[in-house]
């Protein structure tokens, strides 16, 4: 009889332990769900973490780790590509709107939009323009940077997405797409296609 009682007690204890584990797992899942379900294309959404690999044309012999990975056979060229990372921390001290432009370096509409913004960079007193392209197009980026003389403009940052920023924020409509984030890095507006300066003026600070 005692053996039966001990067996039943052990069985009940096992079921209780399983229930507690299931409840704990459910609680953990609930905690993770809100972050997993964030729609970064919705107005008011936070700017997701970005890690952009920046390839800027400069006359220097310096080579960084990323440069060595992507450019292994440029020893004969006097112009090399310096590589840096652009992250959210890059803009910690920027107390103004940030315009993030998702673009394709081979897209004529993107090139025209870049020209338009460069001609009006005097409007960017505090705001920054961050240009993000797909990793598959990284080999097209150095020529794009040179053709548009982007190095002349300290308020423009250009890089290759290496943290899934585009996948979270691109609406898959038209290129270019410009997301406007306020000083708190909340999404306030999305533009896509041929974007006029008049449309953007109210968001540039």
N, C-alpha and C. Protein backbone atom coordinates (compact mmCIF):
# COMPACT_ATOMS: atom_id res chain seq x y z
N UNK A 1 0.83 -1.20 0.00
CA UNK A 1 0.00 0.00 0.00
C UNK A 1 0.87 1.26 0.00
N UNK A 2 1.88 1.22 0.88
CA UNK A 2 2.78 2.37 0.97
C UNK A 2 3.49 2.59 -0.35
N UNK A 3 3.85 1.46 -0.99
CA UNK A 3 4.53 1.55 -2.29
C UNK A 3 3.64 2.24 -3.32
N UNK A 4 2.33 1.91 -3.31
CA UNK A 4 1.39 2.54 -4.24
C UNK A 4 1.26 4.03 -4.00
N UNK A 5 1.19 4.39 -2.71
CA UNK A 5 1.07 5.82 -2.35
C UNK A 5 2.30 6.59 -2.83
N UNK A 6 3.49 6.01 -2.62
CA UNK A 6 4.73 6.67 -3.05
C UNK A 6 4.78 6.80 -4.57
N UNK A 7 4.29 5.77 -5.27
CA UNK A 7 4.28 5.78 -6.73
C UNK A 7 3.36 6.89 -7.26
N UNK A 8 2.16 6.97 -6.64
CA UNK A 8 1.18 8.01 -7.06
C UNK A 8 1.74 9.41 -6.76
N UNK A 9 2.38 9.56 -5.60
CA UNK A 9 2.96 10.85 -5.23
C UNK A 9 4.04 11.26 -6.22
N UNK A 10 4.88 10.29 -6.59
CA UNK A 10 5.95 10.58 -7.56
C UNK A 10 5.37 10.95 -8.91
N UNK A 11 4.29 10.25 -9.29
CA UNK A 11 3.64 10.52 -10.58
C UNK A 11 3.06 11.93 -10.60
N UNK A 12 2.37 12.30 -9.51
CA UNK A 12 1.79 13.64 -9.41
C UNK A 12 2.87 14.72 -9.43
N UNK A 13 3.97 14.44 -8.76
CA UNK A 13 5.09 15.40 -8.74
C UNK A 13 5.64 15.59 -10.14
N UNK A 14 5.71 14.49 -10.90
CA UNK A 14 6.20 14.59 -12.27
C UNK A 14 5.30 15.44 -13.14
N UNK A 15 3.98 15.21 -13.01
CA UNK A 15 3.02 16.01 -13.78
C UNK A 15 3.10 17.49 -13.40
N UNK A 16 3.27 17.76 -12.11
CA UNK A 16 3.36 19.14 -11.64
C UNK A 16 4.60 19.82 -12.22
N UNK A 17 5.73 19.06 -12.26
CA UNK A 17 6.96 19.62 -12.83
C UNK A 17 6.81 19.93 -14.30
N UNK A 18 6.13 19.02 -15.02
CA UNK A 18 5.91 19.25 -16.45
C UNK A 18 5.02 20.46 -16.67
N UNK A 19 4.01 20.63 -15.84
CA UNK A 19 3.11 21.78 -15.96
C UNK A 19 3.85 23.08 -15.72
N UNK A 20 4.74 23.06 -14.70
CA UNK A 20 5.52 24.26 -14.40
C UNK A 20 6.46 24.62 -15.54
N UNK A 21 7.08 23.59 -16.15
CA UNK A 21 7.98 23.83 -17.29
C UNK A 21 7.21 24.41 -18.47
N UNK A 22 6.00 23.86 -18.72
CA UNK A 22 5.18 24.34 -19.83
C UNK A 22 4.76 25.77 -19.60
N UNK A 23 4.37 26.08 -18.34
CA UNK A 23 3.96 27.43 -18.01
C UNK A 23 5.13 28.40 -18.18
N UNK A 24 6.32 27.98 -17.73
CA UNK A 24 7.51 28.83 -17.85
C UNK A 24 7.84 29.08 -19.31
N UNK A 25 7.73 28.04 -20.13
CA UNK A 25 8.01 28.17 -21.57
C UNK A 25 7.01 29.12 -22.21
N UNK A 26 5.74 29.01 -21.79
CA UNK A 26 4.72 29.90 -22.34
C UNK A 26 4.97 31.34 -21.97
N UNK A 27 5.39 31.56 -20.72
CA UNK A 27 5.70 32.92 -20.26
C UNK A 27 6.86 33.48 -21.04
N UNK A 28 7.91 32.66 -21.27
CA UNK A 28 9.07 33.10 -22.02
C UNK A 28 8.69 33.47 -23.44
N UNK A 29 7.83 32.66 -24.06
CA UNK A 29 7.41 32.93 -25.43
C UNK A 29 6.63 34.22 -25.51
N UNK A 30 5.79 34.47 -24.48
CA UNK A 30 5.00 35.70 -24.47
C UNK A 30 5.91 36.92 -24.38
N UNK A 31 6.99 36.78 -23.62
CA UNK A 31 7.92 37.90 -23.47
C UNK A 31 8.61 38.21 -24.79
N UNK A 32 8.88 37.19 -25.60
CA UNK A 32 9.61 37.39 -26.85
C UNK A 32 8.69 37.83 -27.99
N UNK A 33 7.41 37.49 -27.90
CA UNK A 33 6.49 37.75 -28.99
C UNK A 33 6.39 39.22 -29.41
N UNK A 34 6.27 40.17 -28.45
CA UNK A 34 6.12 41.57 -28.86
C UNK A 34 7.24 42.05 -29.77
N UNK A 35 8.48 41.71 -29.43
CA UNK A 35 9.61 42.14 -30.25
C UNK A 35 9.59 41.44 -31.60
N UNK A 36 9.22 40.17 -31.57
CA UNK A 36 9.21 39.39 -32.82
C UNK A 36 8.14 39.87 -33.78
N UNK A 37 7.08 40.48 -33.24
CA UNK A 37 5.94 40.89 -34.05
C UNK A 37 5.99 42.36 -34.48
N UNK A 38 7.05 43.05 -34.18
CA UNK A 38 7.13 44.47 -34.56
C UNK A 38 7.12 44.60 -36.07
N UNK A 39 6.22 45.44 -36.57
CA UNK A 39 6.18 45.75 -38.00
C UNK A 39 6.92 47.07 -38.19
N UNK A 40 8.15 46.99 -38.67
CA UNK A 40 9.00 48.17 -38.78
C UNK A 40 8.59 49.10 -39.92
N UNK A 41 7.57 48.70 -40.68
CA UNK A 41 7.08 49.58 -41.75
C UNK A 41 5.89 50.42 -41.30
N UNK A 42 5.47 50.24 -40.06
CA UNK A 42 4.32 51.00 -39.54
C UNK A 42 4.78 52.30 -38.90
N UNK A 43 4.02 53.36 -39.12
CA UNK A 43 4.35 54.65 -38.51
C UNK A 43 4.39 54.50 -36.99
N UNK A 44 5.44 55.04 -36.39
CA UNK A 44 5.63 54.92 -34.95
C UNK A 44 6.55 53.80 -34.55
N UNK A 45 6.90 52.92 -35.49
CA UNK A 45 7.79 51.81 -35.18
C UNK A 45 9.21 52.32 -34.93
N UNK A 46 9.96 51.66 -34.05
CA UNK A 46 11.34 52.09 -33.82
C UNK A 46 12.23 51.74 -35.01
N UNK A 47 13.30 52.50 -35.15
CA UNK A 47 14.27 52.18 -36.19
C UNK A 47 15.02 50.92 -35.76
N UNK A 48 14.99 49.86 -36.58
CA UNK A 48 15.71 48.64 -36.18
C UNK A 48 17.21 48.87 -36.18
N UNK A 49 17.91 48.00 -35.48
CA UNK A 49 19.37 48.09 -35.43
C UNK A 49 19.95 47.92 -36.82
N UNK A 50 20.83 48.83 -37.18
CA UNK A 50 21.49 48.73 -38.48
C UNK A 50 22.98 48.50 -38.30
N UNK A 51 23.53 47.69 -39.17
CA UNK A 51 24.98 47.57 -39.30
C UNK A 51 25.26 47.66 -40.79
N UNK A 52 25.79 48.79 -41.21
CA UNK A 52 26.08 49.01 -42.62
C UNK A 52 27.58 49.01 -42.83
N UNK A 53 28.01 48.33 -43.87
CA UNK A 53 29.42 48.34 -44.23
C UNK A 53 29.62 49.45 -45.24
N UNK A 54 30.35 50.46 -44.84
CA UNK A 54 30.53 51.65 -45.67
C UNK A 54 31.77 51.53 -46.52
N UNK A 55 31.61 51.70 -47.83
CA UNK A 55 32.74 51.67 -48.75
C UNK A 55 32.86 53.05 -49.39
N UNK A 56 33.83 53.81 -48.96
CA UNK A 56 34.02 55.17 -49.46
C UNK A 56 35.31 55.27 -50.26
N UNK A 57 35.26 55.90 -51.42
CA UNK A 57 36.46 56.05 -52.25
C UNK A 57 37.37 57.11 -51.65
N UNK A 58 38.59 56.69 -51.32
CA UNK A 58 39.57 57.63 -50.77
C UNK A 58 40.94 57.28 -51.33
N UNK A 59 41.80 58.26 -51.40
CA UNK A 59 43.17 58.03 -51.85
C UNK A 59 44.04 57.70 -50.65
N UNK A 60 44.09 56.44 -50.33
CA UNK A 60 44.86 56.00 -49.17
C UNK A 60 45.25 54.55 -49.36
N UNK A 61 46.30 54.15 -48.67
CA UNK A 61 46.72 52.76 -48.78
C UNK A 61 46.20 51.93 -47.62
N UNK A 62 45.44 52.59 -46.72
CA UNK A 62 44.93 51.87 -45.54
C UNK A 62 43.89 50.83 -45.97
N UNK A 63 44.00 49.63 -45.38
CA UNK A 63 43.03 48.58 -45.65
C UNK A 63 42.55 48.00 -44.33
N UNK A 64 41.24 47.90 -44.18
CA UNK A 64 40.68 47.33 -42.97
C UNK A 64 40.28 45.89 -43.24
N UNK A 65 39.78 45.24 -42.20
CA UNK A 65 39.41 43.84 -42.32
C UNK A 65 38.39 43.62 -43.43
N UNK A 66 37.34 44.44 -43.47
CA UNK A 66 36.32 44.26 -44.48
C UNK A 66 36.85 44.54 -45.87
N UNK A 67 37.75 45.50 -45.95
CA UNK A 67 38.36 45.81 -47.25
C UNK A 67 39.11 44.58 -47.78
N UNK A 68 39.85 43.92 -46.91
CA UNK A 68 40.63 42.76 -47.32
C UNK A 68 39.71 41.62 -47.78
N UNK A 69 38.55 41.52 -47.14
CA UNK A 69 37.63 40.45 -47.52
C UNK A 69 37.04 40.71 -48.90
N UNK A 70 36.66 41.96 -49.16
CA UNK A 70 35.92 42.27 -50.38
C UNK A 70 36.81 42.68 -51.54
N UNK A 71 38.02 43.16 -51.24
CA UNK A 71 38.88 43.69 -52.30
C UNK A 71 40.27 43.05 -52.17
N UNK A 72 40.43 41.90 -52.80
CA UNK A 72 41.67 41.14 -52.63
C UNK A 72 42.69 41.39 -53.74
N UNK A 73 42.27 42.04 -54.82
CA UNK A 73 43.18 42.14 -55.97
C UNK A 73 43.28 43.56 -56.51
N UNK A 74 43.39 44.54 -55.60
CA UNK A 74 43.46 45.92 -56.06
C UNK A 74 44.83 46.55 -55.76
N UNK A 75 45.88 45.71 -55.66
CA UNK A 75 47.20 46.23 -55.28
C UNK A 75 47.77 47.17 -56.33
N UNK A 76 47.34 47.00 -57.59
CA UNK A 76 47.90 47.83 -58.64
C UNK A 76 47.23 49.20 -58.73
N UNK A 77 46.10 49.36 -58.03
CA UNK A 77 45.36 50.62 -58.10
C UNK A 77 45.83 51.57 -57.01
N UNK A 78 45.98 52.85 -57.37
CA UNK A 78 46.37 53.85 -56.37
C UNK A 78 45.18 54.29 -55.54
N UNK A 79 43.97 54.05 -56.08
CA UNK A 79 42.76 54.41 -55.34
C UNK A 79 42.17 53.14 -54.75
N UNK A 80 42.10 53.10 -53.44
CA UNK A 80 41.58 51.92 -52.78
C UNK A 80 40.33 52.31 -51.99
N UNK A 81 39.67 51.31 -51.47
CA UNK A 81 38.42 51.53 -50.77
C UNK A 81 38.61 51.35 -49.26
N UNK A 82 38.31 52.39 -48.52
CA UNK A 82 38.39 52.32 -47.07
C UNK A 82 37.03 51.85 -46.54
N UNK A 83 37.05 50.97 -45.57
CA UNK A 83 35.81 50.40 -45.08
C UNK A 83 35.57 50.74 -43.62
N UNK A 84 34.33 51.16 -43.31
CA UNK A 84 33.95 51.46 -41.94
C UNK A 84 32.55 50.91 -41.70
N UNK A 85 32.17 50.82 -40.43
CA UNK A 85 30.83 50.37 -40.08
C UNK A 85 29.98 51.56 -39.65
N UNK A 86 28.72 51.55 -40.09
CA UNK A 86 27.75 52.55 -39.69
C UNK A 86 26.68 51.82 -38.89
N UNK A 87 26.46 52.25 -37.65
CA UNK A 87 25.47 51.61 -36.78
C UNK A 87 24.57 52.68 -36.16
N UNK A 88 23.58 52.25 -35.38
CA UNK A 88 22.71 53.20 -34.70
C UNK A 88 23.52 54.13 -33.80
N UNK A 89 24.58 53.60 -33.23
CA UNK A 89 25.41 54.41 -32.33
C UNK A 89 26.09 55.56 -33.07
N UNK A 90 26.26 55.42 -34.38
CA UNK A 90 26.86 56.49 -35.17
C UNK A 90 26.06 57.78 -35.04
N UNK A 91 24.74 57.65 -34.81
CA UNK A 91 23.86 58.81 -34.80
C UNK A 91 23.31 59.14 -33.41
N UNK A 92 23.98 58.64 -32.38
CA UNK A 92 23.52 58.87 -31.00
C UNK A 92 23.43 60.36 -30.67
N UNK A 93 24.34 61.16 -31.18
CA UNK A 93 24.37 62.58 -30.85
C UNK A 93 23.57 63.44 -31.83
N UNK A 94 22.90 62.82 -32.78
CA UNK A 94 22.12 63.57 -33.77
C UNK A 94 20.71 63.77 -33.22
N UNK A 95 20.40 65.00 -32.83
CA UNK A 95 19.08 65.31 -32.27
C UNK A 95 18.18 65.89 -33.36
N UNK A 96 18.03 65.16 -34.43
CA UNK A 96 17.23 65.61 -35.56
C UNK A 96 16.76 64.39 -36.34
N UNK A 97 15.89 64.64 -37.33
CA UNK A 97 15.41 63.55 -38.17
C UNK A 97 16.54 62.91 -38.96
N UNK A 98 16.42 61.62 -39.18
CA UNK A 98 17.34 60.89 -40.05
C UNK A 98 16.54 60.32 -41.21
N UNK A 99 17.03 60.54 -42.43
CA UNK A 99 16.39 59.99 -43.62
C UNK A 99 17.19 58.77 -44.07
N UNK A 100 16.54 57.61 -44.07
CA UNK A 100 17.20 56.38 -44.50
C UNK A 100 16.67 56.01 -45.88
N UNK A 101 17.56 56.03 -46.87
CA UNK A 101 17.16 55.76 -48.25
C UNK A 101 17.62 54.37 -48.66
N UNK A 102 16.66 53.50 -48.95
CA UNK A 102 16.95 52.17 -49.48
C UNK A 102 17.05 52.30 -50.99
N UNK A 103 18.18 51.88 -51.55
CA UNK A 103 18.41 52.15 -52.97
C UNK A 103 19.19 51.02 -53.63
N UNK A 104 19.22 51.09 -54.96
CA UNK A 104 20.00 50.16 -55.78
C UNK A 104 21.01 51.01 -56.57
N UNK A 105 22.31 50.76 -56.42
CA UNK A 105 23.31 51.59 -57.10
C UNK A 105 23.22 51.56 -58.62
N UNK A 106 22.48 50.60 -59.18
CA UNK A 106 22.33 50.52 -60.64
C UNK A 106 20.99 51.07 -61.11
N UNK A 107 20.19 51.61 -60.19
CA UNK A 107 18.85 52.11 -60.49
C UNK A 107 18.91 53.58 -60.89
N UNK A 108 18.37 53.92 -62.06
CA UNK A 108 18.42 55.31 -62.54
C UNK A 108 17.57 56.23 -61.67
N UNK A 109 16.45 55.73 -61.16
CA UNK A 109 15.61 56.55 -60.27
C UNK A 109 16.36 56.87 -58.97
N UNK A 110 17.10 55.89 -58.49
CA UNK A 110 17.89 56.10 -57.27
C UNK A 110 19.01 57.11 -57.52
N UNK A 111 19.62 57.02 -58.69
CA UNK A 111 20.68 57.96 -59.04
C UNK A 111 20.12 59.38 -59.14
N UNK A 112 18.94 59.52 -59.75
CA UNK A 112 18.32 60.84 -59.88
C UNK A 112 17.95 61.42 -58.52
N UNK A 113 17.45 60.56 -57.64
CA UNK A 113 17.07 61.02 -56.30
C UNK A 113 18.32 61.46 -55.53
N UNK A 114 19.40 60.71 -55.69
CA UNK A 114 20.66 61.08 -55.03
C UNK A 114 21.16 62.43 -55.54
N UNK A 115 21.08 62.63 -56.85
CA UNK A 115 21.49 63.93 -57.42
C UNK A 115 20.64 65.06 -56.85
N UNK A 116 19.33 64.83 -56.75
CA UNK A 116 18.42 65.84 -56.22
C UNK A 116 18.80 66.21 -54.79
N UNK A 117 19.06 65.22 -53.97
CA UNK A 117 19.40 65.47 -52.58
C UNK A 117 20.75 66.15 -52.45
N UNK A 118 21.70 65.74 -53.28
CA UNK A 118 23.04 66.37 -53.23
C UNK A 118 22.96 67.84 -53.61
N UNK A 119 22.11 68.17 -54.59
CA UNK A 119 21.98 69.58 -54.99
C UNK A 119 21.34 70.43 -53.90
N UNK A 120 20.72 69.79 -52.94
CA UNK A 120 20.02 70.53 -51.89
C UNK A 120 20.53 70.16 -50.49
N UNK A 121 21.79 69.79 -50.41
CA UNK A 121 22.36 69.41 -49.13
C UNK A 121 22.44 70.56 -48.13
N UNK A 122 22.29 71.80 -48.62
CA UNK A 122 22.29 72.94 -47.70
C UNK A 122 21.10 72.88 -46.75
N UNK A 123 20.08 72.10 -47.10
CA UNK A 123 18.92 71.95 -46.22
C UNK A 123 19.23 71.06 -45.02
N UNK A 124 20.25 70.21 -45.15
CA UNK A 124 20.59 69.26 -44.10
C UNK A 124 21.50 69.92 -43.07
N UNK A 125 20.91 70.76 -42.25
CA UNK A 125 21.70 71.43 -41.21
C UNK A 125 22.08 70.44 -40.10
N UNK A 126 21.09 69.66 -39.67
CA UNK A 126 21.30 68.69 -38.59
C UNK A 126 20.98 67.26 -39.04
N UNK A 127 20.02 67.12 -39.91
CA UNK A 127 19.59 65.79 -40.36
C UNK A 127 20.71 65.08 -41.11
N UNK A 128 20.63 63.76 -41.12
CA UNK A 128 21.58 62.94 -41.87
C UNK A 128 20.82 62.12 -42.91
N UNK A 129 21.48 61.85 -44.03
CA UNK A 129 20.94 60.97 -45.06
C UNK A 129 21.76 59.68 -45.03
N UNK A 130 21.07 58.57 -44.77
CA UNK A 130 21.74 57.27 -44.71
C UNK A 130 21.23 56.45 -45.89
N UNK A 131 22.15 56.03 -46.76
CA UNK A 131 21.78 55.28 -47.96
C UNK A 131 22.19 53.82 -47.80
N UNK A 132 21.20 52.92 -47.95
CA UNK A 132 21.40 51.50 -47.68
C UNK A 132 21.15 50.69 -48.94
N UNK A 133 22.10 49.82 -49.30
CA UNK A 133 21.89 48.95 -50.46
C UNK A 133 22.04 47.48 -50.08
N UNK A 134 21.54 46.62 -50.95
CA UNK A 134 21.55 45.18 -50.74
C UNK A 134 22.99 44.63 -50.81
N UNK A 135 23.33 43.66 -49.96
CA UNK A 135 24.67 43.07 -50.00
C UNK A 135 25.05 42.50 -51.36
N UNK A 136 24.08 42.04 -52.13
CA UNK A 136 24.37 41.46 -53.44
C UNK A 136 24.89 42.52 -54.42
N UNK A 137 24.67 43.80 -54.08
CA UNK A 137 25.06 44.90 -54.98
C UNK A 137 26.31 45.62 -54.48
N UNK A 138 27.01 45.00 -53.54
CA UNK A 138 28.15 45.70 -52.93
C UNK A 138 29.24 46.04 -53.94
N UNK A 139 29.39 45.22 -54.98
CA UNK A 139 30.43 45.50 -55.96
C UNK A 139 30.11 46.71 -56.83
N UNK A 140 28.84 47.11 -56.86
CA UNK A 140 28.44 48.29 -57.63
C UNK A 140 28.55 49.58 -56.82
N UNK A 141 28.74 49.43 -55.52
CA UNK A 141 28.71 50.61 -54.65
C UNK A 141 29.90 51.55 -54.82
N UNK A 142 31.14 51.06 -54.93
CA UNK A 142 32.26 51.99 -55.08
C UNK A 142 32.12 52.93 -56.27
N UNK A 143 31.68 52.43 -57.43
CA UNK A 143 31.49 53.30 -58.59
C UNK A 143 30.40 54.32 -58.34
N UNK A 144 29.32 53.90 -57.67
CA UNK A 144 28.23 54.82 -57.35
C UNK A 144 28.74 55.95 -56.46
N UNK A 145 29.53 55.60 -55.45
CA UNK A 145 30.08 56.60 -54.52
C UNK A 145 30.94 57.61 -55.27
N UNK A 146 31.76 57.12 -56.20
CA UNK A 146 32.63 58.02 -56.98
C UNK A 146 31.82 58.90 -57.93
N UNK A 147 30.88 58.32 -58.64
CA UNK A 147 30.10 59.06 -59.63
C UNK A 147 29.31 60.19 -59.01
N UNK A 148 28.88 60.00 -57.78
CA UNK A 148 28.06 61.02 -57.12
C UNK A 148 28.85 61.87 -56.13
N UNK A 149 30.15 61.70 -56.10
CA UNK A 149 31.02 62.53 -55.24
C UNK A 149 30.49 62.59 -53.80
N UNK A 150 30.06 61.47 -53.30
CA UNK A 150 29.42 61.44 -51.98
C UNK A 150 30.39 61.85 -50.87
N UNK A 151 31.68 61.64 -51.08
CA UNK A 151 32.66 62.01 -50.06
C UNK A 151 32.64 63.51 -49.76
N UNK A 152 32.10 64.30 -50.67
CA UNK A 152 32.05 65.76 -50.47
C UNK A 152 31.02 66.16 -49.42
N UNK A 153 30.10 65.25 -49.09
CA UNK A 153 28.97 65.62 -48.24
C UNK A 153 29.03 64.88 -46.91
N UNK A 154 29.42 65.57 -45.84
CA UNK A 154 29.56 64.90 -44.53
C UNK A 154 28.24 64.41 -43.95
N UNK A 155 27.11 64.90 -44.45
CA UNK A 155 25.82 64.48 -43.92
C UNK A 155 25.26 63.25 -44.62
N UNK A 156 26.00 62.71 -45.59
CA UNK A 156 25.56 61.52 -46.30
C UNK A 156 26.40 60.31 -45.87
N UNK A 157 25.72 59.25 -45.50
CA UNK A 157 26.36 57.99 -45.13
C UNK A 157 25.84 56.91 -46.09
N UNK A 158 26.74 56.14 -46.68
CA UNK A 158 26.35 55.11 -47.63
C UNK A 158 26.95 53.78 -47.19
N UNK A 159 26.12 52.72 -47.23
CA UNK A 159 26.66 51.43 -46.82
C UNK A 159 25.84 50.26 -47.30
N UNK A 160 26.43 49.09 -47.13
CA UNK A 160 25.80 47.82 -47.51
C UNK A 160 25.15 47.21 -46.27
N UNK A 161 23.90 46.84 -46.39
CA UNK A 161 23.16 46.26 -45.28
C UNK A 161 23.77 44.92 -44.89
N UNK A 162 24.11 44.76 -43.62
CA UNK A 162 24.66 43.48 -43.16
C UNK A 162 23.95 42.97 -41.92
N UNK A 163 22.75 43.55 -41.65
CA UNK A 163 22.02 43.12 -40.45
C UNK A 163 20.52 42.98 -40.71
N UNK A 164 20.13 42.83 -41.98
CA UNK A 164 18.72 42.62 -42.29
C UNK A 164 17.85 43.85 -42.16
N UNK A 165 18.46 45.04 -42.20
CA UNK A 165 17.68 46.28 -42.06
C UNK A 165 16.67 46.41 -43.19
N UNK A 166 17.08 46.10 -44.41
CA UNK A 166 16.19 46.25 -45.56
C UNK A 166 15.01 45.29 -45.47
N UNK A 167 15.28 44.07 -45.06
CA UNK A 167 14.21 43.08 -44.97
C UNK A 167 13.12 43.49 -43.99
N UNK A 168 13.50 44.25 -42.96
CA UNK A 168 12.54 44.69 -41.95
C UNK A 168 11.79 45.96 -42.35
N UNK A 169 12.41 46.80 -43.16
CA UNK A 169 11.84 48.13 -43.41
C UNK A 169 11.37 48.38 -44.83
N UNK A 170 11.84 47.57 -45.79
CA UNK A 170 11.46 47.82 -47.19
C UNK A 170 10.04 47.32 -47.44
N UNK A 171 9.22 48.15 -48.09
CA UNK A 171 7.82 47.79 -48.37
C UNK A 171 7.65 47.03 -49.68
N UNK A 172 8.74 46.84 -50.41
CA UNK A 172 8.71 46.11 -51.68
C UNK A 172 7.75 46.75 -52.68
N UNK A 173 7.78 48.10 -52.71
CA UNK A 173 7.00 48.83 -53.70
C UNK A 173 7.94 49.34 -54.79
N UNK A 174 8.43 50.57 -54.62
CA UNK A 174 9.30 51.18 -55.61
C UNK A 174 10.59 51.64 -54.96
N UNK A 175 11.64 51.68 -55.77
CA UNK A 175 12.92 52.26 -55.33
C UNK A 175 13.08 53.62 -55.99
N UNK A 176 13.71 54.55 -55.26
CA UNK A 176 14.20 54.40 -53.88
C UNK A 176 13.05 54.49 -52.89
N UNK A 177 13.31 54.04 -51.68
CA UNK A 177 12.37 54.23 -50.56
C UNK A 177 13.10 55.03 -49.49
N UNK A 178 12.45 56.08 -49.02
CA UNK A 178 13.06 56.90 -47.96
C UNK A 178 12.19 56.81 -46.72
N UNK A 179 12.78 56.30 -45.63
CA UNK A 179 12.12 56.26 -44.33
C UNK A 179 12.62 57.45 -43.51
N UNK A 180 11.70 58.18 -42.90
CA UNK A 180 12.08 59.31 -42.05
C UNK A 180 11.88 58.91 -40.60
N UNK A 181 12.96 59.02 -39.82
CA UNK A 181 12.90 58.72 -38.39
C UNK A 181 13.15 60.01 -37.61
N UNK A 182 12.36 60.24 -36.56
CA UNK A 182 12.52 61.46 -35.79
C UNK A 182 13.70 61.34 -34.83
N UNK A 183 13.87 62.35 -33.98
CA UNK A 183 15.04 62.36 -33.09
C UNK A 183 15.02 61.21 -32.08
N UNK A 184 13.83 60.64 -31.85
CA UNK A 184 13.71 59.49 -30.97
C UNK A 184 13.81 58.18 -31.73
N UNK A 185 14.12 58.28 -33.03
CA UNK A 185 14.27 57.15 -33.95
C UNK A 185 13.00 56.33 -34.08
N UNK A 186 11.88 57.07 -34.16
CA UNK A 186 10.59 56.48 -34.48
C UNK A 186 10.23 56.84 -35.92
N UNK A 187 9.64 55.89 -36.64
CA UNK A 187 9.27 56.11 -38.04
C UNK A 187 8.11 57.09 -38.13
N UNK A 188 8.30 58.16 -38.90
CA UNK A 188 7.24 59.16 -39.04
C UNK A 188 6.68 59.25 -40.46
N UNK A 189 7.46 58.74 -41.45
CA UNK A 189 6.98 58.84 -42.83
C UNK A 189 7.78 57.90 -43.72
N UNK A 190 7.10 57.36 -44.75
CA UNK A 190 7.77 56.56 -45.77
C UNK A 190 7.42 57.12 -47.14
N UNK A 191 8.45 57.38 -47.94
CA UNK A 191 8.29 57.81 -49.33
C UNK A 191 8.86 56.71 -50.23
N UNK A 192 8.33 56.60 -51.44
CA UNK A 192 8.92 55.65 -52.39
C UNK A 192 8.72 56.13 -53.81
N UNK A 193 9.60 55.65 -54.70
CA UNK A 193 9.53 56.06 -56.10
C UNK A 193 10.24 57.37 -56.34
N UNK A 194 9.73 58.16 -57.28
CA UNK A 194 10.29 59.49 -57.57
C UNK A 194 9.77 60.46 -56.52
N UNK A 195 10.64 60.86 -55.62
CA UNK A 195 10.24 61.67 -54.46
C UNK A 195 10.67 63.11 -54.69
N UNK A 196 9.73 64.01 -54.66
CA UNK A 196 10.03 65.42 -54.92
C UNK A 196 10.67 66.07 -53.69
N UNK A 197 11.42 67.12 -53.95
CA UNK A 197 12.05 67.86 -52.86
C UNK A 197 11.00 68.50 -51.97
N UNK A 198 9.91 68.99 -52.57
CA UNK A 198 8.85 69.61 -51.77
C UNK A 198 8.27 68.63 -50.76
N UNK A 199 8.18 67.35 -51.15
CA UNK A 199 7.66 66.33 -50.23
C UNK A 199 8.60 66.12 -49.05
N UNK A 200 9.90 66.22 -49.30
CA UNK A 200 10.89 65.94 -48.27
C UNK A 200 11.23 67.13 -47.38
N UNK A 201 11.02 68.35 -47.92
CA UNK A 201 11.49 69.55 -47.22
C UNK A 201 11.00 69.62 -45.78
N UNK A 202 9.75 69.24 -45.57
CA UNK A 202 9.19 69.34 -44.22
C UNK A 202 9.80 68.40 -43.21
N UNK A 203 10.62 67.45 -43.69
CA UNK A 203 11.21 66.46 -42.80
C UNK A 203 12.72 66.62 -42.64
N UNK A 204 13.30 67.52 -43.42
CA UNK A 204 14.75 67.76 -43.33
C UNK A 204 15.00 68.90 -42.35
N UNK A 205 15.92 68.69 -41.44
CA UNK A 205 16.21 69.70 -40.42
C UNK A 205 17.65 70.17 -40.50
